[in-house]
Amino acid sequence: MPEWSFVTNHSLVLAAIAKHPRRTARDIGDAVGITERATHSIIKDLEAAGYVTKVKAGRRNEYLIHPDMPLKGVLSGDAAVRELLMLLGWKPRKSRDKAAPAKEGKI
């Protein structure tokens, strides 16, 4: 019997980024259970759709999520990404609810 999930890899990558915006694509892929290459592809999709902004921080990338973006899909209605992320374990920061990258050099 093939394995399947109610949540797509795109959602899982977005949730991993929301929880740990400084993780590398390799670390995100390991957490989700997909290859680094697949992770890079998904991050590009999320960037192109406006859900994530990649910011260079020294030699690494950090990610800023946009939790107020509407969920993509026919059945999503007026739901925002924030609602999905919270279901997947994301806790918004108290001072701000976006996963903001740190200042350059503070990794």
N, C-alpha and C. Protein backbone atom coordinates (compact mmCIF):
# COMPACT_ATOMS: atom_id res chain seq x y z
N MET A 1 0.84 -1.18 0.00
CA MET A 1 0.00 0.00 0.00
C MET A 1 0.89 1.25 0.00
N PRO A 2 0.71 2.16 -0.97
CA PRO A 2 1.55 3.35 -1.03
C PRO A 2 1.27 4.30 0.13
N GLU A 3 2.35 4.99 0.57
CA GLU A 3 2.17 5.99 1.61
C GLU A 3 1.61 7.27 1.00
N TRP A 4 0.80 7.97 1.77
CA TRP A 4 0.25 9.24 1.31
C TRP A 4 0.00 10.11 2.53
N SER A 5 -0.31 11.37 2.27
CA SER A 5 -0.50 12.32 3.34
C SER A 5 -1.58 13.31 2.96
N PHE A 6 -2.27 13.84 3.95
CA PHE A 6 -3.25 14.88 3.69
C PHE A 6 -2.57 16.22 3.40
N VAL A 7 -1.33 16.34 3.79
CA VAL A 7 -0.59 17.60 3.66
C VAL A 7 0.49 17.42 2.59
N THR A 8 0.57 18.36 1.67
CA THR A 8 1.54 18.27 0.58
C THR A 8 2.94 18.63 1.06
N ASN A 9 3.92 18.28 0.25
CA ASN A 9 5.30 18.65 0.56
C ASN A 9 5.48 20.16 0.58
N HIS A 10 4.74 20.87 -0.26
CA HIS A 10 4.81 22.34 -0.25
C HIS A 10 4.40 22.88 1.12
N SER A 11 3.34 22.35 1.67
CA SER A 11 2.89 22.79 3.00
C SER A 11 3.90 22.43 4.07
N LEU A 12 4.47 21.24 3.98
CA LEU A 12 5.45 20.81 4.97
C LEU A 12 6.72 21.64 4.91
N VAL A 13 7.17 21.98 3.70
CA VAL A 13 8.35 22.84 3.55
C VAL A 13 8.05 24.23 4.12
N LEU A 14 6.89 24.77 3.81
CA LEU A 14 6.51 26.08 4.34
C LEU A 14 6.47 26.06 5.87
N ALA A 15 5.92 25.00 6.44
CA ALA A 15 5.85 24.87 7.91
C ALA A 15 7.26 24.75 8.50
N ALA A 16 8.13 24.00 7.86
CA ALA A 16 9.52 23.87 8.34
C ALA A 16 10.24 25.20 8.30
N ILE A 17 10.00 25.97 7.25
CA ILE A 17 10.60 27.30 7.14
C ILE A 17 10.04 28.23 8.22
N ALA A 18 8.75 28.16 8.44
CA ALA A 18 8.12 29.02 9.45
C ALA A 18 8.69 28.73 10.84
N LYS A 19 8.92 27.46 11.14
CA LYS A 19 9.44 27.08 12.46
C LYS A 19 10.92 27.41 12.61
N HIS A 20 11.68 27.28 11.53
CA HIS A 20 13.13 27.48 11.58
C HIS A 20 13.60 28.21 10.32
N PRO A 21 13.42 29.54 10.25
CA PRO A 21 13.73 30.29 9.03
C PRO A 21 15.20 30.31 8.63
N ARG A 22 16.09 29.87 9.51
CA ARG A 22 17.53 29.88 9.20
C ARG A 22 18.06 28.52 8.77
N ARG A 23 17.20 27.52 8.70
CA ARG A 23 17.65 26.19 8.28
C ARG A 23 18.07 26.20 6.82
N THR A 24 19.00 25.32 6.50
CA THR A 24 19.41 25.15 5.11
C THR A 24 18.36 24.30 4.38
N ALA A 25 18.40 24.36 3.06
CA ALA A 25 17.49 23.54 2.25
C ALA A 25 17.70 22.06 2.55
N ARG A 26 18.93 21.67 2.80
CA ARG A 26 19.21 20.27 3.13
C ARG A 26 18.52 19.88 4.44
N ASP A 27 18.63 20.76 5.45
CA ASP A 27 18.00 20.49 6.75
C ASP A 27 16.47 20.46 6.62
N ILE A 28 15.93 21.36 5.82
CA ILE A 28 14.48 21.40 5.61
C ILE A 28 14.04 20.10 4.92
N GLY A 29 14.76 19.71 3.89
CA GLY A 29 14.44 18.47 3.18
C GLY A 29 14.51 17.26 4.09
N ASP A 30 15.53 17.20 4.94
CA ASP A 30 15.65 16.09 5.88
C ASP A 30 14.46 16.06 6.85
N ALA A 31 14.05 17.24 7.31
CA ALA A 31 12.92 17.31 8.25
C ALA A 31 11.61 16.87 7.59
N VAL A 32 11.46 17.18 6.31
CA VAL A 32 10.23 16.86 5.58
C VAL A 32 10.27 15.45 5.00
N GLY A 33 11.48 14.95 4.74
CA GLY A 33 11.61 13.62 4.16
C GLY A 33 11.71 13.63 2.65
N ILE A 34 12.27 14.72 2.11
CA ILE A 34 12.45 14.84 0.65
C ILE A 34 13.90 15.24 0.39
N THR A 35 14.30 15.18 -0.87
CA THR A 35 15.67 15.51 -1.23
C THR A 35 15.92 17.01 -1.17
N GLU A 36 17.19 17.37 -1.08
CA GLU A 36 17.56 18.79 -1.10
C GLU A 36 17.12 19.43 -2.42
N ARG A 37 17.28 18.70 -3.49
CA ARG A 37 16.87 19.23 -4.80
C ARG A 37 15.37 19.52 -4.86
N ALA A 38 14.57 18.59 -4.34
CA ALA A 38 13.12 18.80 -4.29
C ALA A 38 12.78 19.99 -3.40
N THR A 39 13.52 20.13 -2.31
CA THR A 39 13.30 21.26 -1.39
C THR A 39 13.57 22.58 -2.10
N HIS A 40 14.68 22.66 -2.82
CA HIS A 40 14.99 23.89 -3.57
C HIS A 40 13.88 24.21 -4.57
N SER A 41 13.37 23.20 -5.25
CA SER A 41 12.30 23.40 -6.22
C SER A 41 11.04 23.94 -5.54
N ILE A 42 10.70 23.37 -4.39
CA ILE A 42 9.51 23.82 -3.66
C ILE A 42 9.70 25.25 -3.15
N ILE A 43 10.89 25.56 -2.63
CA ILE A 43 11.16 26.92 -2.16
C ILE A 43 11.01 27.91 -3.32
N LYS A 44 11.49 27.55 -4.49
CA LYS A 44 11.33 28.42 -5.66
C LYS A 44 9.85 28.63 -5.98
N ASP A 45 9.05 27.56 -5.91
CA ASP A 45 7.60 27.67 -6.13
C ASP A 45 6.97 28.62 -5.11
N LEU A 46 7.34 28.45 -3.84
CA LEU A 46 6.78 29.28 -2.77
C LEU A 46 7.19 30.75 -2.92
N GLU A 47 8.43 30.97 -3.37
CA GLU A 47 8.89 32.34 -3.64
C GLU A 47 8.10 32.96 -4.80
N ALA A 48 7.98 32.21 -5.88
CA ALA A 48 7.28 32.72 -7.06
C ALA A 48 5.82 33.07 -6.75
N ALA A 49 5.22 32.32 -5.85
CA ALA A 49 3.81 32.56 -5.49
C ALA A 49 3.67 33.63 -4.41
N GLY A 50 4.79 34.08 -3.83
CA GLY A 50 4.74 35.15 -2.84
C GLY A 50 4.57 34.70 -1.40
N TYR A 51 4.71 33.41 -1.12
CA TYR A 51 4.56 32.90 0.24
C TYR A 51 5.84 33.03 1.06
N VAL A 52 6.97 33.09 0.38
CA VAL A 52 8.27 33.13 1.04
C VAL A 52 9.16 34.14 0.32
N THR A 53 9.98 34.85 1.10
CA THR A 53 11.02 35.70 0.53
C THR A 53 12.35 35.19 1.05
N LYS A 54 13.28 34.95 0.13
CA LYS A 54 14.62 34.48 0.51
C LYS A 54 15.51 35.70 0.69
N VAL A 55 16.25 35.73 1.80
CA VAL A 55 17.14 36.84 2.12
C VAL A 55 18.53 36.27 2.35
N LYS A 56 19.51 36.86 1.71
CA LYS A 56 20.89 36.42 1.90
C LYS A 56 21.39 36.95 3.24
N ALA A 57 21.95 36.08 4.06
CA ALA A 57 22.52 36.45 5.36
C ALA A 57 23.93 35.90 5.42
N GLY A 58 24.87 36.69 4.99
CA GLY A 58 26.24 36.19 4.88
C GLY A 58 26.31 35.17 3.78
N ARG A 59 26.77 33.98 4.13
CA ARG A 59 26.88 32.90 3.13
C ARG A 59 25.65 32.02 3.10
N ARG A 60 24.68 32.29 3.93
CA ARG A 60 23.49 31.45 4.02
C ARG A 60 22.25 32.21 3.57
N ASN A 61 21.19 31.47 3.37
CA ASN A 61 19.89 32.06 3.10
C ASN A 61 19.03 31.98 4.35
N GLU A 62 18.21 32.98 4.54
CA GLU A 62 17.18 32.95 5.57
C GLU A 62 15.88 33.22 4.84
N TYR A 63 14.78 32.85 5.47
CA TYR A 63 13.50 32.95 4.80
C TYR A 63 12.51 33.74 5.63
N LEU A 64 11.77 34.57 4.96
CA LEU A 64 10.70 35.35 5.57
C LEU A 64 9.40 34.81 5.00
N ILE A 65 8.53 34.33 5.88
CA ILE A 65 7.24 33.84 5.40
C ILE A 65 6.22 34.98 5.45
N HIS A 66 5.19 34.84 4.66
CA HIS A 66 4.12 35.84 4.59
C HIS A 66 2.81 35.15 4.98
N PRO A 67 2.54 35.10 6.29
CA PRO A 67 1.41 34.31 6.80
C PRO A 67 0.03 34.84 6.44
N ASP A 68 -0.06 36.06 5.97
CA ASP A 68 -1.37 36.61 5.62
C ASP A 68 -1.77 36.33 4.17
N MET A 69 -0.90 35.64 3.43
CA MET A 69 -1.25 35.27 2.06
C MET A 69 -2.40 34.26 2.09
N PRO A 70 -3.30 34.33 1.13
CA PRO A 70 -4.40 33.35 1.10
C PRO A 70 -3.87 31.97 0.72
N LEU A 71 -4.51 30.96 1.26
CA LEU A 71 -4.16 29.60 0.87
C LEU A 71 -4.50 29.39 -0.59
N LYS A 72 -3.65 28.67 -1.28
CA LYS A 72 -3.88 28.37 -2.68
C LYS A 72 -4.71 27.11 -2.77
N GLY A 73 -5.76 27.13 -3.55
CA GLY A 73 -6.57 25.94 -3.73
C GLY A 73 -8.05 26.29 -3.81
N VAL A 74 -8.78 25.41 -4.39
CA VAL A 74 -10.20 25.63 -4.64
C VAL A 74 -11.01 25.68 -3.35
N LEU A 75 -10.71 24.82 -2.40
CA LEU A 75 -11.51 24.71 -1.19
C LEU A 75 -11.04 25.59 -0.03
N SER A 76 -10.02 26.39 -0.25
CA SER A 76 -9.44 27.14 0.86
C SER A 76 -10.29 28.30 1.34
N GLY A 77 -11.20 28.80 0.52
CA GLY A 77 -12.06 29.91 0.93
C GLY A 77 -11.25 31.14 1.29
N ASP A 78 -11.53 31.73 2.45
CA ASP A 78 -10.83 32.93 2.89
C ASP A 78 -9.68 32.62 3.85
N ALA A 79 -9.29 31.38 3.98
CA ALA A 79 -8.25 31.00 4.92
C ALA A 79 -6.89 31.57 4.49
N ALA A 80 -6.09 31.94 5.48
CA ALA A 80 -4.74 32.43 5.24
C ALA A 80 -3.74 31.34 5.58
N VAL A 81 -2.55 31.47 5.05
CA VAL A 81 -1.48 30.53 5.31
C VAL A 81 -1.25 30.39 6.82
N ARG A 82 -1.40 31.46 7.55
CA ARG A 82 -1.22 31.46 9.01
C ARG A 82 -2.02 30.32 9.66
N GLU A 83 -3.24 30.13 9.22
CA GLU A 83 -4.10 29.10 9.81
C GLU A 83 -3.55 27.70 9.58
N LEU A 84 -3.08 27.44 8.38
CA LEU A 84 -2.48 26.15 8.07
C LEU A 84 -1.21 25.95 8.88
N LEU A 85 -0.37 26.97 8.93
CA LEU A 85 0.88 26.86 9.67
C LEU A 85 0.64 26.59 11.15
N MET A 86 -0.36 27.22 11.71
CA MET A 86 -0.67 27.00 13.13
C MET A 86 -1.14 25.57 13.36
N LEU A 87 -1.90 25.02 12.42
CA LEU A 87 -2.30 23.61 12.52
C LEU A 87 -1.10 22.67 12.48
N LEU A 88 -0.06 23.10 11.76
CA LEU A 88 1.14 22.29 11.60
C LEU A 88 2.19 22.58 12.68
N GLY A 89 1.81 23.35 13.71
CA GLY A 89 2.70 23.55 14.85
C GLY A 89 3.45 24.86 14.93
N TRP A 90 3.23 25.78 13.99
CA TRP A 90 3.91 27.07 14.02
C TRP A 90 3.29 27.95 15.08
N LYS A 91 4.13 28.62 15.84
CA LYS A 91 3.66 29.57 16.83
C LYS A 91 4.19 30.95 16.45
N PRO A 92 3.29 31.88 16.11
CA PRO A 92 3.75 33.22 15.74
C PRO A 92 4.54 33.87 16.87
N ARG A 93 5.51 34.67 16.50
CA ARG A 93 6.29 35.40 17.51
C ARG A 93 5.41 36.43 18.17
N LYS A 94 5.67 36.70 19.43
CA LYS A 94 4.84 37.63 20.18
C LYS A 94 4.96 39.06 19.68
N SER A 95 6.18 39.50 19.35
CA SER A 95 6.37 40.88 18.94
C SER A 95 5.98 41.13 17.49
N ARG A 96 6.03 40.07 16.69
CA ARG A 96 5.63 40.16 15.28
C ARG A 96 5.24 38.77 14.84
N ASP A 97 4.35 38.69 13.88
CA ASP A 97 3.87 37.36 13.49
C ASP A 97 4.46 36.86 12.20
N LYS A 98 5.50 37.50 11.70
CA LYS A 98 6.21 36.99 10.53
C LYS A 98 7.53 36.40 10.99
N ALA A 99 7.95 35.35 10.36
CA ALA A 99 9.25 34.76 10.67
C ALA A 99 10.31 35.59 9.99
N ALA A 100 10.76 36.62 10.65
CA ALA A 100 11.69 37.56 10.05
C ALA A 100 13.13 37.06 10.18
N PRO A 101 13.94 37.29 9.17
CA PRO A 101 15.32 36.88 9.23
C PRO A 101 16.10 37.77 10.20
N ALA A 102 17.18 37.21 10.73
CA ALA A 102 18.04 37.97 11.63
C ALA A 102 18.87 38.95 10.81
N LYS A 103 19.49 39.89 11.49
CA LYS A 103 20.41 40.82 10.83
C LYS A 103 21.58 40.04 10.25
N GLU A 104 22.12 40.55 9.16
CA GLU A 104 23.24 39.87 8.50
C GLU A 104 24.39 39.69 9.48
N GLY A 105 24.98 38.51 9.46
CA GLY A 105 26.11 38.23 10.33
C GLY A 105 25.73 37.64 11.67
N LYS A 106 24.47 37.53 11.98
CA LYS A 106 24.03 36.98 13.28
C LYS A 106 23.37 35.63 13.08
N ILE A 107 24.08 34.70 12.52
CA ILE A 107 23.52 33.37 12.29
C ILE A 107 23.80 32.49 13.47
